[in-house]
Amino acid sequence: MLIGTDGSGEGGALGTSTPRMQNAAATVLNGAAAWERGQEKEPVAPRDDQFVYSKRIIKETEQKTGEVRTYTDEMWDSVDVSKPSLTMALGREMWEQPAGKGGGVWPPRK
C-alpha cells in the first residue's frame, strides 16, 4: 500500500485506499516500529558502497488549459557521501561529486 498526498495540502491517499485502510496501515507500521525500537541491537553502520534511493512523482496542472505534466524525480545518494550521487529531476540528470573533507550534506546521513 502506498499512502501519499493528493496535492491539495490536506492528507490524502494515492489510488483507491480508504481512510480505514490508511488507519490500518498506520497501526501496522507503528506497531512494527515500536517492536523494532524494543530490540536490543547495536546499530549497524552503513557500508561505503550503499546508497539511499528515493523517488517522487510530481504532477503540474496548467490552470488555464488543464494540461497535466508528470515528472518522476529519482535520487541515488551515497550513504556516507564518499561516492558520487545521481539526481534525476524534471528530466535532467545531475551527478553530484562526493563531499570534500569537512564537507557536509543535507539531510545528514547519520
PDB file of N, CA and C in Angstrom:
ATOM      1  N   MET A   1       0.849  -1.166   0.000  1.00  0.00           N
ATOM      2  CA  MET A   1       0.000   0.000   0.000  1.00  0.00           C
ATOM      3  C   MET A   1       0.892   1.225   0.000  1.00  0.00           C
ATOM      4  N   LEU A   2       0.500   2.238  -0.741  1.00  0.00           N
ATOM      5  CA  LEU A   2       1.251   3.477  -0.808  1.00  0.00           C
ATOM      6  C   LEU A   2       0.336   4.602  -0.391  1.00  0.00           C
ATOM      7  N   ILE A   3       0.762   5.368   0.591  1.00  0.00           N
ATOM      8  CA  ILE A   3      -0.031   6.496   1.061  1.00  0.00           C
ATOM      9  C   ILE A   3       0.759   7.750   0.797  1.00  0.00           C
ATOM     10  N   GLY A   4       0.138   8.729   0.203  1.00  0.00           N
ATOM     11  CA  GLY A   4       0.816   9.976  -0.110  1.00  0.00           C
ATOM     12  C   GLY A   4      -0.139  11.134   0.027  1.00  0.00           C
ATOM     13  N   THR A   5       0.167  12.223  -0.645  1.00  0.00           N
ATOM     14  CA  THR A   5      -0.724  13.371  -0.614  1.00  0.00           C
ATOM     15  C   THR A   5      -1.313  13.571  -1.994  1.00  0.00           C
ATOM     16  N   ASP A   6      -2.457  14.186  -2.018  1.00  0.00           N
ATOM     17  CA  ASP A   6      -3.131  14.400  -3.294  1.00  0.00           C
ATOM     18  C   ASP A   6      -2.847  15.775  -3.870  1.00  0.00           C
ATOM     19  N   GLY A   7      -1.918  16.520  -3.279  1.00  0.00           N
ATOM     20  CA  GLY A   7      -1.535  17.813  -3.806  1.00  0.00           C
ATOM     21  C   GLY A   7      -2.380  18.961  -3.305  1.00  0.00           C
ATOM     22  N   SER A   8      -3.390  18.690  -2.502  1.00  0.00           N
ATOM     23  CA  SER A   8      -4.270  19.749  -2.021  1.00  0.00           C
ATOM     24  C   SER A   8      -3.767  20.381  -0.738  1.00  0.00           C
ATOM     25  N   GLY A   9      -2.690  19.840  -0.176  1.00  0.00           N
ATOM     26  CA  GLY A   9      -2.198  20.338   1.101  1.00  0.00           C
ATOM     27  C   GLY A   9      -2.823  19.599   2.266  1.00  0.00           C
ATOM     28  N   GLU A  10      -3.885  18.872   2.014  1.00  0.00           N
ATOM     29  CA  GLU A  10      -4.533  18.042   3.028  1.00  0.00           C
ATOM     30  C   GLU A  10      -3.956  16.644   2.917  1.00  0.00           C
ATOM     31  N   GLY A  11      -3.987  15.886   3.985  1.00  0.00           N
ATOM     32  CA  GLY A  11      -3.541  14.500   3.904  1.00  0.00           C
ATOM     33  C   GLY A  11      -4.468  13.732   2.990  1.00  0.00           C
ATOM     34  N   GLY A  12      -3.933  13.002   2.066  1.00  0.00           N
ATOM     35  CA  GLY A  12      -4.751  12.241   1.135  1.00  0.00           C
ATOM     36  C   GLY A  12      -4.032  10.973   0.760  1.00  0.00           C
ATOM     37  N   ALA A  13      -4.680  10.143  -0.026  1.00  0.00           N
ATOM     38  CA  ALA A  13      -4.072   8.877  -0.392  1.00  0.00           C
ATOM     39  C   ALA A  13      -4.008   8.764  -1.898  1.00  0.00           C
ATOM     40  N   LEU A  14      -3.021   8.027  -2.367  1.00  0.00           N
ATOM     41  CA  LEU A  14      -2.923   7.713  -3.775  1.00  0.00           C
ATOM     42  C   LEU A  14      -3.744   6.464  -4.039  1.00  0.00           C
ATOM     43  N   GLY A  15      -4.321   6.380  -5.196  1.00  0.00           N
ATOM     44  CA  GLY A  15      -5.067   5.180  -5.550  1.00  0.00           C
ATOM     45  C   GLY A  15      -6.431   5.161  -4.889  1.00  0.00           C
ATOM     46  N   THR A  16      -6.875   3.957  -4.529  1.00  0.00           N
ATOM     47  CA  THR A  16      -8.229   3.799  -4.026  1.00  0.00           C
ATOM     48  C   THR A  16      -8.280   3.471  -2.549  1.00  0.00           C
ATOM     49  N   SER A  17      -7.192   3.720  -1.797  1.00  0.00           N
ATOM     50  CA  SER A  17      -7.227   3.374  -0.373  1.00  0.00           C
ATOM     51  C   SER A  17      -8.200   4.286   0.364  1.00  0.00           C
ATOM     52  N   THR A  18      -8.845   3.744   1.357  1.00  0.00           N
ATOM     53  CA  THR A  18      -9.833   4.481   2.132  1.00  0.00           C
ATOM     54  C   THR A  18      -9.225   4.940   3.441  1.00  0.00           C
ATOM     55  N   PRO A  19      -9.863   5.880   4.147  1.00  0.00           N
ATOM     56  CA  PRO A  19      -9.333   6.267   5.459  1.00  0.00           C
ATOM     57  C   PRO A  19      -9.182   5.077   6.399  1.00  0.00           C
ATOM     58  N   ARG A  20     -10.080   4.100   6.299  1.00  0.00           N
ATOM     59  CA  ARG A  20      -9.980   2.910   7.153  1.00  0.00           C
ATOM     60  C   ARG A  20      -8.707   2.129   6.832  1.00  0.00           C
ATOM     61  N   MET A  21      -8.389   1.992   5.531  1.00  0.00           N
ATOM     62  CA  MET A  21      -7.160   1.298   5.137  1.00  0.00           C
ATOM     63  C   MET A  21      -5.943   2.078   5.612  1.00  0.00           C
ATOM     64  N   GLN A  22      -5.999   3.400   5.534  1.00  0.00           N
ATOM     65  CA  GLN A  22      -4.880   4.229   5.975  1.00  0.00           C
ATOM     66  C   GLN A  22      -4.647   4.040   7.470  1.00  0.00           C
ATOM     67  N   ASN A  23      -5.723   4.027   8.246  1.00  0.00           N
ATOM     68  CA  ASN A  23      -5.593   3.830   9.691  1.00  0.00           C
ATOM     69  C   ASN A  23      -5.018   2.457  10.002  1.00  0.00           C
ATOM     70  N   ALA A  24      -5.455   1.428   9.268  1.00  0.00           N
ATOM     71  CA  ALA A  24      -4.944   0.078   9.486  1.00  0.00           C
ATOM     72  C   ALA A  24      -3.466   0.015   9.146  1.00  0.00           C
ATOM     73  N   ALA A  25      -3.081   0.644   8.043  1.00  0.00           N
ATOM     74  CA  ALA A  25      -1.672   0.652   7.649  1.00  0.00           C
ATOM     75  C   ALA A  25      -0.835   1.389   8.686  1.00  0.00           C
ATOM     76  N   ALA A  26      -1.323   2.515   9.167  1.00  0.00           N
ATOM     77  CA  ALA A  26      -0.593   3.280  10.180  1.00  0.00           C
ATOM     78  C   ALA A  26      -0.440   2.466  11.454  1.00  0.00           C
ATOM     79  N   THR A  27      -1.476   1.727  11.841  1.00  0.00           N
ATOM     80  CA  THR A  27      -1.411   0.891  13.042  1.00  0.00           C
ATOM     81  C   THR A  27      -0.351  -0.196  12.885  1.00  0.00           C
ATOM     82  N   VAL A  28      -0.332  -0.853  11.736  1.00  0.00           N
ATOM     83  CA  VAL A  28       0.651  -1.913  11.494  1.00  0.00           C
ATOM     84  C   VAL A  28       2.064  -1.337  11.484  1.00  0.00           C
ATOM     85  N   LEU A  29       2.274  -0.229  10.771  1.00  0.00           N
ATOM     86  CA  LEU A  29       3.610   0.366  10.688  1.00  0.00           C
ATOM     87  C   LEU A  29       4.086   0.889  12.040  1.00  0.00           C
ATOM     88  N   ASN A  30       3.197   1.519  12.791  1.00  0.00           N
ATOM     89  CA  ASN A  30       3.583   1.997  14.123  1.00  0.00           C
ATOM     90  C   ASN A  30       3.920   0.831  15.047  1.00  0.00           C
ATOM     91  N   GLY A  31       3.164  -0.265  14.959  1.00  0.00           N
ATOM     92  CA  GLY A  31       3.457  -1.444  15.762  1.00  0.00           C
ATOM     93  C   GLY A  31       4.805  -2.052  15.402  1.00  0.00           C
ATOM     94  N   ALA A  32       5.106  -2.124  14.108  1.00  0.00           N
ATOM     95  CA  ALA A  32       6.394  -2.669  13.666  1.00  0.00           C
ATOM     96  C   ALA A  32       7.540  -1.780  14.134  1.00  0.00           C
ATOM     97  N   ALA A  33       7.361  -0.466  14.069  1.00  0.00           N
ATOM     98  CA  ALA A  33       8.401   0.462  14.525  1.00  0.00           C
ATOM     99  C   ALA A  33       8.616   0.331  16.029  1.00  0.00           C
ATOM    100  N   ALA A  34       7.538   0.201  16.794  1.00  0.00           N
ATOM    101  CA  ALA A  34       7.660   0.051  18.241  1.00  0.00           C
ATOM    102  C   ALA A  34       8.381  -1.249  18.586  1.00  0.00           C
ATOM    103  N   TRP A  35       8.060  -2.328  17.881  1.00  0.00           N
ATOM    104  CA  TRP A  35       8.740  -3.599  18.116  1.00  0.00           C
ATOM    105  C   TRP A  35      10.227  -3.474  17.826  1.00  0.00           C
ATOM    106  N   GLU A  36      10.571  -2.855  16.711  1.00  0.00           N
ATOM    107  CA  GLU A  36      11.976  -2.706  16.325  1.00  0.00           C
ATOM    108  C   GLU A  36      12.736  -1.864  17.345  1.00  0.00           C
ATOM    109  N   ARG A  37      12.116  -0.789  17.834  1.00  0.00           N
ATOM    110  CA  ARG A  37      12.773   0.048  18.849  1.00  0.00           C
ATOM    111  C   ARG A  37      13.023  -0.733  20.130  1.00  0.00           C
ATOM    112  N   GLY A  38      12.189  -1.719  20.430  1.00  0.00           N
ATOM    113  CA  GLY A  38      12.323  -2.506  21.648  1.00  0.00           C
ATOM    114  C   GLY A  38      13.409  -3.571  21.574  1.00  0.00           C
ATOM    115  N   GLN A  39      13.944  -3.819  20.403  1.00  0.00           N
ATOM    116  CA  GLN A  39      15.001  -4.825  20.260  1.00  0.00           C
ATOM    117  C   GLN A  39      16.317  -4.244  20.769  1.00  0.00           C
ATOM    118  N   GLU A  40      17.087  -5.063  21.431  1.00  0.00           N
ATOM    119  CA  GLU A  40      18.366  -4.612  21.984  1.00  0.00           C
ATOM    120  C   GLU A  40      19.483  -4.958  21.013  1.00  0.00           C
ATOM    121  N   LYS A  41      19.528  -4.239  19.909  1.00  0.00           N
ATOM    122  CA  LYS A  41      20.552  -4.465  18.898  1.00  0.00           C
ATOM    123  C   LYS A  41      21.430  -3.233  18.795  1.00  0.00           C
ATOM    124  N   GLU A  42      22.688  -3.469  18.480  1.00  0.00           N
ATOM    125  CA  GLU A  42      23.586  -2.362  18.195  1.00  0.00           C
ATOM    126  C   GLU A  42      23.269  -1.852  16.794  1.00  0.00           C
ATOM    127  N   PRO A  43      23.259  -0.536  16.612  1.00  0.00           N
ATOM    128  CA  PRO A  43      23.028  -0.024  15.264  1.00  0.00           C
ATOM    129  C   PRO A  43      24.120  -0.509  14.314  1.00  0.00           C
ATOM    130  N   VAL A  44      23.735  -0.774  13.089  1.00  0.00           N
ATOM    131  CA  VAL A  44      24.680  -1.227  12.083  1.00  0.00           C
ATOM    132  C   VAL A  44      25.122  -0.020  11.269  1.00  0.00           C
ATOM    133  N   ALA A  45      26.420   0.193  11.200  1.00  0.00           N
ATOM    134  CA  ALA A  45      26.946   1.317  10.415  1.00  0.00           C
ATOM    135  C   ALA A  45      26.773   1.011   8.932  1.00  0.00           C
ATOM    136  N   PRO A  46      26.371   2.011   8.151  1.00  0.00           N
ATOM    137  CA  PRO A  46      26.234   1.774   6.710  1.00  0.00           C
ATOM    138  C   PRO A  46      27.599   1.524   6.072  1.00  0.00           C
ATOM    139  N   ARG A  47      27.604   0.707   5.030  1.00  0.00           N
ATOM    140  CA  ARG A  47      28.831   0.435   4.291  1.00  0.00           C
ATOM    141  C   ARG A  47      29.064   1.563   3.278  1.00  0.00           C
ATOM    142  N   ASP A  48      30.315   1.709   2.845  1.00  0.00           N
ATOM    143  CA  ASP A  48      30.633   2.780   1.911  1.00  0.00           C
ATOM    144  C   ASP A  48      30.105   2.526   0.501  1.00  0.00           C
ATOM    145  N   ASP A  49      29.576   1.306   0.248  1.00  0.00           N
ATOM    146  CA  ASP A  49      29.034   1.008  -1.080  1.00  0.00           C
ATOM    147  C   ASP A  49      27.507   1.063  -1.104  1.00  0.00           C
ATOM    148  N   GLN A  50      26.884   1.598  -0.069  1.00  0.00           N
ATOM    149  CA  GLN A  50      25.423   1.656  -0.013  1.00  0.00           C
ATOM    150  C   GLN A  50      24.915   3.044  -0.416  1.00  0.00           C
ATOM    151  N   PHE A  51      23.718   3.052  -0.989  1.00  0.00           N
ATOM    152  CA  PHE A  51      23.077   4.283  -1.434  1.00  0.00           C
ATOM    153  C   PHE A  51      21.657   4.348  -0.893  1.00  0.00           C
ATOM    154  N   VAL A  52      21.151   5.557  -0.734  1.00  0.00           N
ATOM    155  CA  VAL A  52      19.764   5.782  -0.371  1.00  0.00           C
ATOM    156  C   VAL A  52      19.047   6.156  -1.667  1.00  0.00           C
ATOM    157  N   TYR A  53      17.987   5.405  -1.993  1.00  0.00           N
ATOM    158  CA  TYR A  53      17.212   5.669  -3.208  1.00  0.00           C
ATOM    159  C   TYR A  53      15.892   6.313  -2.818  1.00  0.00           C
ATOM    160  N   SER A  54      15.536   7.380  -3.520  1.00  0.00           N
ATOM    161  CA  SER A  54      14.216   7.974  -3.305  1.00  0.00           C
ATOM    162  C   SER A  54      13.615   8.331  -4.659  1.00  0.00           C
ATOM    163  N   LYS A  55      12.307   8.271  -4.693  1.00  0.00           N
ATOM    164  CA  LYS A  55      11.584   8.550  -5.933  1.00  0.00           C
ATOM    165  C   LYS A  55      10.337   9.337  -5.585  1.00  0.00           C
ATOM    166  N   ARG A  56      10.062  10.371  -6.355  1.00  0.00           N
ATOM    167  CA  ARG A  56       8.822  11.108  -6.163  1.00  0.00           C
ATOM    168  C   ARG A  56       8.236  11.435  -7.529  1.00  0.00           C
ATOM    169  N   ILE A  57       6.931  11.464  -7.567  1.00  0.00           N
ATOM    170  CA  ILE A  57       6.208  11.774  -8.794  1.00  0.00           C
ATOM    171  C   ILE A  57       5.531  13.118  -8.599  1.00  0.00           C
ATOM    172  N   ILE A  58       5.797  14.025  -9.519  1.00  0.00           N
ATOM    173  CA  ILE A  58       5.268  15.384  -9.438  1.00  0.00           C
ATOM    174  C   ILE A  58       4.307  15.590 -10.599  1.00  0.00           C
ATOM    175  N   LYS A  59       3.121  16.077 -10.286  1.00  0.00           N
ATOM    176  CA  LYS A  59       2.149  16.407 -11.321  1.00  0.00           C
ATOM    177  C   LYS A  59       1.877  17.897 -11.258  1.00  0.00           C
ATOM    178  N   GLU A  60       2.046  18.574 -12.399  1.00  0.00           N
ATOM    179  CA  GLU A  60       1.760  20.003 -12.507  1.00  0.00           C
ATOM    180  C   GLU A  60       0.584  20.183 -13.452  1.00  0.00           C
ATOM    181  N   THR A  61      -0.385  20.969 -13.023  1.00  0.00           N
ATOM    182  CA  THR A  61      -1.556  21.232 -13.854  1.00  0.00           C
ATOM    183  C   THR A  61      -1.555  22.699 -14.261  1.00  0.00           C
ATOM    184  N   GLU A  62      -1.572  22.945 -15.569  1.00  0.00           N
ATOM    185  CA  GLU A  62      -1.674  24.310 -16.091  1.00  0.00           C
ATOM    186  C   GLU A  62      -3.083  24.807 -15.802  1.00  0.00           C
ATOM    187  N   GLN A  63      -3.186  25.891 -15.058  1.00  0.00           N
ATOM    188  CA  GLN A  63      -4.500  26.369 -14.624  1.00  0.00           C
ATOM    189  C   GLN A  63      -5.373  26.816 -15.778  1.00  0.00           C
ATOM    190  N   LYS A  64      -4.811  27.415 -16.809  1.00  0.00           N
ATOM    191  CA  LYS A  64      -5.629  27.911 -17.921  1.00  0.00           C
ATOM    192  C   LYS A  64      -6.121  26.798 -18.830  1.00  0.00           C
ATOM    193  N   THR A  65      -5.238  25.840 -19.156  1.00  0.00           N
ATOM    194  CA  THR A  65      -5.599  24.800 -20.122  1.00  0.00           C
ATOM    195  C   THR A  65      -5.983  23.469 -19.481  1.00  0.00           C
ATOM    196  N   GLY A  66      -5.604  23.264 -18.223  1.00  0.00           N
ATOM    197  CA  GLY A  66      -5.873  21.996 -17.564  1.00  0.00           C
ATOM    198  C   GLY A  66      -4.900  20.897 -17.956  1.00  0.00           C
ATOM    199  N   GLU A  67      -3.891  21.240 -18.782  1.00  0.00           N
ATOM    200  CA  GLU A  67      -2.896  20.260 -19.194  1.00  0.00           C
ATOM    201  C   GLU A  67      -2.082  19.810 -17.981  1.00  0.00           C
ATOM    202  N   VAL A  68      -1.903  18.505 -17.863  1.00  0.00           N
ATOM    203  CA  VAL A  68      -1.172  17.940 -16.735  1.00  0.00           C
ATOM    204  C   VAL A  68       0.168  17.413 -17.235  1.00  0.00           C
ATOM    205  N   ARG A  69       1.236  17.842 -16.580  1.00  0.00           N
ATOM    206  CA  ARG A  69       2.572  17.322 -16.861  1.00  0.00           C
ATOM    207  C   ARG A  69       3.007  16.508 -15.652  1.00  0.00           C
ATOM    208  N   THR A  70       3.595  15.351 -15.928  1.00  0.00           N
ATOM    209  CA  THR A  70       4.059  14.478 -14.857  1.00  0.00           C
ATOM    210  C   THR A  70       5.568  14.314 -14.968  1.00  0.00           C
ATOM    211  N   TYR A  71       6.238  14.496 -13.848  1.00  0.00           N
ATOM    212  CA  TYR A  71       7.677  14.314 -13.763  1.00  0.00           C
ATOM    213  C   TYR A  71       7.968  13.248 -12.706  1.00  0.00           C
ATOM    214  N   THR A  72       8.978  12.454 -12.964  1.00  0.00           N
ATOM    215  CA  THR A  72       9.435  11.490 -11.976  1.00  0.00           C
ATOM    216  C   THR A  72      10.859  11.855 -11.596  1.00  0.00           C
ATOM    217  N   ASP A  73      11.055  12.204 -10.338  1.00  0.00           N
ATOM    218  CA  ASP A  73      12.376  12.535  -9.822  1.00  0.00           C
ATOM    219  C   ASP A  73      12.923  11.323  -9.076  1.00  0.00           C
ATOM    220  N   GLU A  74      14.178  10.984  -9.340  1.00  0.00           N
ATOM    221  CA  GLU A  74      14.832   9.876  -8.653  1.00  0.00           C
ATOM    222  C   GLU A  74      16.190  10.345  -8.153  1.00  0.00           C
ATOM    223  N   MET A  75      16.545   9.900  -6.962  1.00  0.00           N
ATOM    224  CA  MET A  75      17.820  10.265  -6.374  1.00  0.00           C
ATOM    225  C   MET A  75      18.520   9.021  -5.836  1.00  0.00           C
ATOM    226  N   TRP A  76      19.794   8.912  -6.109  1.00  0.00           N
ATOM    227  CA  TRP A  76      20.662   7.879  -5.550  1.00  0.00           C
ATOM    228  C   TRP A  76      21.748   8.616  -4.789  1.00  0.00           C
ATOM    229  N   ASP A  77      21.660   8.634  -3.463  1.00  0.00           N
ATOM    230  CA  ASP A  77      22.603   9.363  -2.630  1.00  0.00           C
ATOM    231  C   ASP A  77      23.514   8.396  -1.896  1.00  0.00           C
ATOM    232  N   SER A  78      24.823   8.643  -1.981  1.00  0.00           N
ATOM    233  CA  SER A  78      25.813   7.847  -1.270  1.00  0.00           C
ATOM    234  C   SER A  78      25.559   7.994   0.230  1.00  0.00           C
ATOM    235  N   VAL A  79      25.447   6.870   0.940  1.00  0.00           N
ATOM    236  CA  VAL A  79      25.130   6.898   2.364  1.00  0.00           C
ATOM    237  C   VAL A  79      26.174   7.678   3.152  1.00  0.00           C
ATOM    238  N   ASP A  80      27.444   7.432   2.856  1.00  0.00           N
ATOM    239  CA  ASP A  80      28.496   8.107   3.622  1.00  0.00           C
ATOM    240  C   ASP A  80      29.115   9.276   2.854  1.00  0.00           C
ATOM    241  N   VAL A  81      28.462   9.716   1.806  1.00  0.00           N
ATOM    242  CA  VAL A  81      28.867  10.832   0.927  1.00  0.00           C
ATOM    243  C   VAL A  81      30.273  10.668   0.356  1.00  0.00           C
ATOM    244  N   SER A  82      30.788   9.430   0.272  1.00  0.00           N
ATOM    245  CA  SER A  82      32.115   9.215  -0.290  1.00  0.00           C
ATOM    246  C   SER A  82      32.082   8.933  -1.789  1.00  0.00           C
ATOM    247  N   LYS A  83      30.912   8.685  -2.340  1.00  0.00           N
ATOM    248  CA  LYS A  83      30.759   8.359  -3.759  1.00  0.00           C
ATOM    249  C   LYS A  83      29.894   9.424  -4.434  1.00  0.00           C
ATOM    250  N   PRO A  84      30.047   9.567  -5.766  1.00  0.00           N
ATOM    251  CA  PRO A  84      29.160  10.497  -6.477  1.00  0.00           C
ATOM    252  C   PRO A  84      27.702  10.068  -6.325  1.00  0.00           C
ATOM    253  N   SER A  85      26.797  11.036  -6.273  1.00  0.00           N
ATOM    254  CA  SER A  85      25.361  10.777  -6.163  1.00  0.00           C
ATOM    255  C   SER A  85      24.690  11.220  -7.449  1.00  0.00           C
ATOM    256  N   LEU A  86      23.626  10.520  -7.813  1.00  0.00           N
ATOM    257  CA  LEU A  86      22.890  10.818  -9.034  1.00  0.00           C
ATOM    258  C   LEU A  86      21.527  11.380  -8.686  1.00  0.00           C
ATOM    259  N   THR A  87      21.178  12.503  -9.302  1.00  0.00           N
ATOM    260  CA  THR A  87      19.853  13.092  -9.151  1.00  0.00           C
ATOM    261  C   THR A  87      19.248  13.255 -10.536  1.00  0.00           C
ATOM    262  N   MET A  88      18.036  12.750 -10.729  1.00  0.00           N
ATOM    263  CA  MET A  88      17.307  12.943 -11.980  1.00  0.00           C
ATOM    264  C   MET A  88      16.040  13.713 -11.623  1.00  0.00           C
ATOM    265  N   ALA A  89      16.028  15.005 -11.990  1.00  0.00           N
ATOM    266  CA  ALA A  89      14.920  15.871 -11.615  1.00  0.00           C
ATOM    267  C   ALA A  89      14.427  16.640 -12.830  1.00  0.00           C
ATOM    268  N   LEU A  90      13.120  16.638 -13.006  1.00  0.00           N
ATOM    269  CA  LEU A  90      12.465  17.352 -14.106  1.00  0.00           C
ATOM    270  C   LEU A  90      13.111  17.042 -15.452  1.00  0.00           C
ATOM    271  N   GLY A  91      13.449  15.778 -15.648  1.00  0.00           N
ATOM    272  CA  GLY A  91      14.003  15.338 -16.921  1.00  0.00           C
ATOM    273  C   GLY A  91      15.486  15.611 -17.093  1.00  0.00           C
ATOM    274  N   ARG A  92      16.150  16.143 -16.077  1.00  0.00           N
ATOM    275  CA  ARG A  92      17.585  16.417 -16.155  1.00  0.00           C
ATOM    276  C   ARG A  92      18.339  15.458 -15.245  1.00  0.00           C
ATOM    277  N   GLU A  93      19.498  15.026 -15.691  1.00  0.00           N
ATOM    278  CA  GLU A  93      20.354  14.141 -14.913  1.00  0.00           C
ATOM    279  C   GLU A  93      21.533  14.947 -14.387  1.00  0.00           C
ATOM    280  N   MET A  94      21.758  14.879 -13.070  1.00  0.00           N
ATOM    281  CA  MET A  94      22.852  15.630 -12.464  1.00  0.00           C
ATOM    282  C   MET A  94      23.663  14.704 -11.570  1.00  0.00           C
ATOM    283  N   TRP A  95      24.970  14.714 -11.770  1.00  0.00           N
ATOM    284  CA  TRP A  95      25.879  13.971 -10.903  1.00  0.00           C
ATOM    285  C   TRP A  95      26.461  14.938  -9.899  1.00  0.00           C
ATOM    286  N   GLU A  96      26.381  14.586  -8.634  1.00  0.00           N
ATOM    287  CA  GLU A  96      26.947  15.407  -7.578  1.00  0.00           C
ATOM    288  C   GLU A  96      28.191  14.698  -7.062  1.00  0.00           C
ATOM    289  N   GLN A  97      29.294  15.427  -7.013  1.00  0.00           N
ATOM    290  CA  GLN A  97      30.558  14.838  -6.574  1.00  0.00           C
ATOM    291  C   GLN A  97      30.543  14.626  -5.060  1.00  0.00           C
ATOM    292  N   PRO A  98      31.350  13.700  -4.594  1.00  0.00           N
ATOM    293  CA  PRO A  98      31.398  13.433  -3.149  1.00  0.00           C
ATOM    294  C   PRO A  98      31.783  14.686  -2.370  1.00  0.00           C
ATOM    295  N   ALA A  99      31.309  14.746  -1.149  1.00  0.00           N
ATOM    296  CA  ALA A  99      31.660  15.875  -0.279  1.00  0.00           C
ATOM    297  C   ALA A  99      33.146  15.800   0.039  1.00  0.00           C
ATOM    298  N   GLY A 100      33.800  16.947   0.008  1.00  0.00           N
ATOM    299  CA  GLY A 100      35.215  17.001   0.352  1.00  0.00           C
ATOM    300  C   GLY A 100      35.412  16.863   1.852  1.00  0.00           C
ATOM    301  N   LYS A 101      36.655  16.816   2.267  1.00  0.00           N
ATOM    302  CA  LYS A 101      36.960  16.683   3.692  1.00  0.00           C
ATOM    303  C   LYS A 101      36.339  17.845   4.444  1.00  0.00           C
ATOM    304  N   GLY A 102      35.593  17.529   5.490  1.00  0.00           N
ATOM    305  CA  GLY A 102      34.932  18.552   6.275  1.00  0.00           C
ATOM    306  C   GLY A 102      33.624  19.044   5.662  1.00  0.00           C
ATOM    307  N   GLY A 103      33.307  18.550   4.443  1.00  0.00           N
ATOM    308  CA  GLY A 103      32.061  18.946   3.780  1.00  0.00           C
ATOM    309  C   GLY A 103      30.880  18.216   4.367  1.00  0.00           C
ATOM    310  N   GLY A 104      29.741  18.780   4.209  1.00  0.00           N
ATOM    311  CA  GLY A 104      28.533  18.156   4.734  1.00  0.00           C
ATOM    312  C   GLY A 104      27.524  17.910   3.642  1.00  0.00           C
ATOM    313  N   VAL A 105      26.430  17.318   4.030  1.00  0.00           N
ATOM    314  CA  VAL A 105      25.350  17.023   3.115  1.00  0.00           C
ATOM    315  C   VAL A 105      24.040  17.199   3.867  1.00  0.00           C
ATOM    316  N   TRP A 106      23.017  17.630   3.153  1.00  0.00           N
ATOM    317  CA  TRP A 106      21.698  17.782   3.748  1.00  0.00           C
ATOM    318  C   TRP A 106      20.740  16.876   3.027  1.00  0.00           C
ATOM    319  N   PRO A 107      19.925  16.103   3.689  1.00  0.00           N
ATOM    320  CA  PRO A 107      19.878  15.955   5.141  1.00  0.00           C
ATOM    321  C   PRO A 107      21.043  15.112   5.632  1.00  0.00           C
ATOM    322  N   PRO A 108      21.408  15.241   6.914  1.00  0.00           N
ATOM    323  CA  PRO A 108      22.513  14.456   7.465  1.00  0.00           C
ATOM    324  C   PRO A 108      22.261  12.972   7.294  1.00  0.00           C
ATOM    325  N   ARG A 109      23.294  12.206   7.060  1.00  0.00           N
ATOM    326  CA  ARG A 109      23.166  10.768   6.783  1.00  0.00           C
ATOM    327  C   ARG A 109      23.291   9.894   8.020  1.00  0.00           C
ATOM    328  N   LYS A 110      23.492  10.453   9.192  1.00  0.00           N
ATOM    329  CA  LYS A 110      23.663   9.627  10.394  1.00  0.00           C
ATOM    330  C   LYS A 110      22.332   9.241  10.967  1.00  0.00           C
TER     331      LYS A 110
END
